[in-house]
Amino acid sequence: MSEPSTEADRLEAERRRDAAERERESVELTRRRREEHSLQAEATRVEAEKVRVEAEAAREAREDARQELETARRDREALRQIAEEARSAAEDARHATISAVAATAEALNRNLAQMQFLESARETLRTLQPKPDED
């Protein structure tokens, strides 16, 4: 009678061994899946870090471009201001030139009038002075 019990124990042990093997395989499969998920998660994290670094580089490039545009805008504004000042100075110089030409014309007219007066006075003196052959 010990034999059937031994055979039943053996079959039970075999069944338990098979169940343990299936459980071990299931645990191993779960472990492999977790490791695969962990590797995928790490790869995704690395890829996300690369994207973050690229996004940061793009942000810095945009900021640099914005600063360059702002500098260019300020330069254009400074040039516009300088051009306006130059235009105003040129206008002032034009008015000064016109005034100088008018003053020169007035001086020349005065000099001409004075010379004409002196010439007329000389002519008058000559006519008033006795001529040497009339003595």
Foldseek 3Di string as FASTA:
>chain_A
DVVVVVVVVVVVVVVVVVVVVVVVVVVVVVVVVVVVVVVVVVVVVVVVVVVVVVVVVVVVVVVVVVVVVVVVVVVVVVVVVVVVVVVVVVVVVVVVVVVVVVVVVVVVVVVVVVVVVVVVVVVVVVVPDDDPVVD
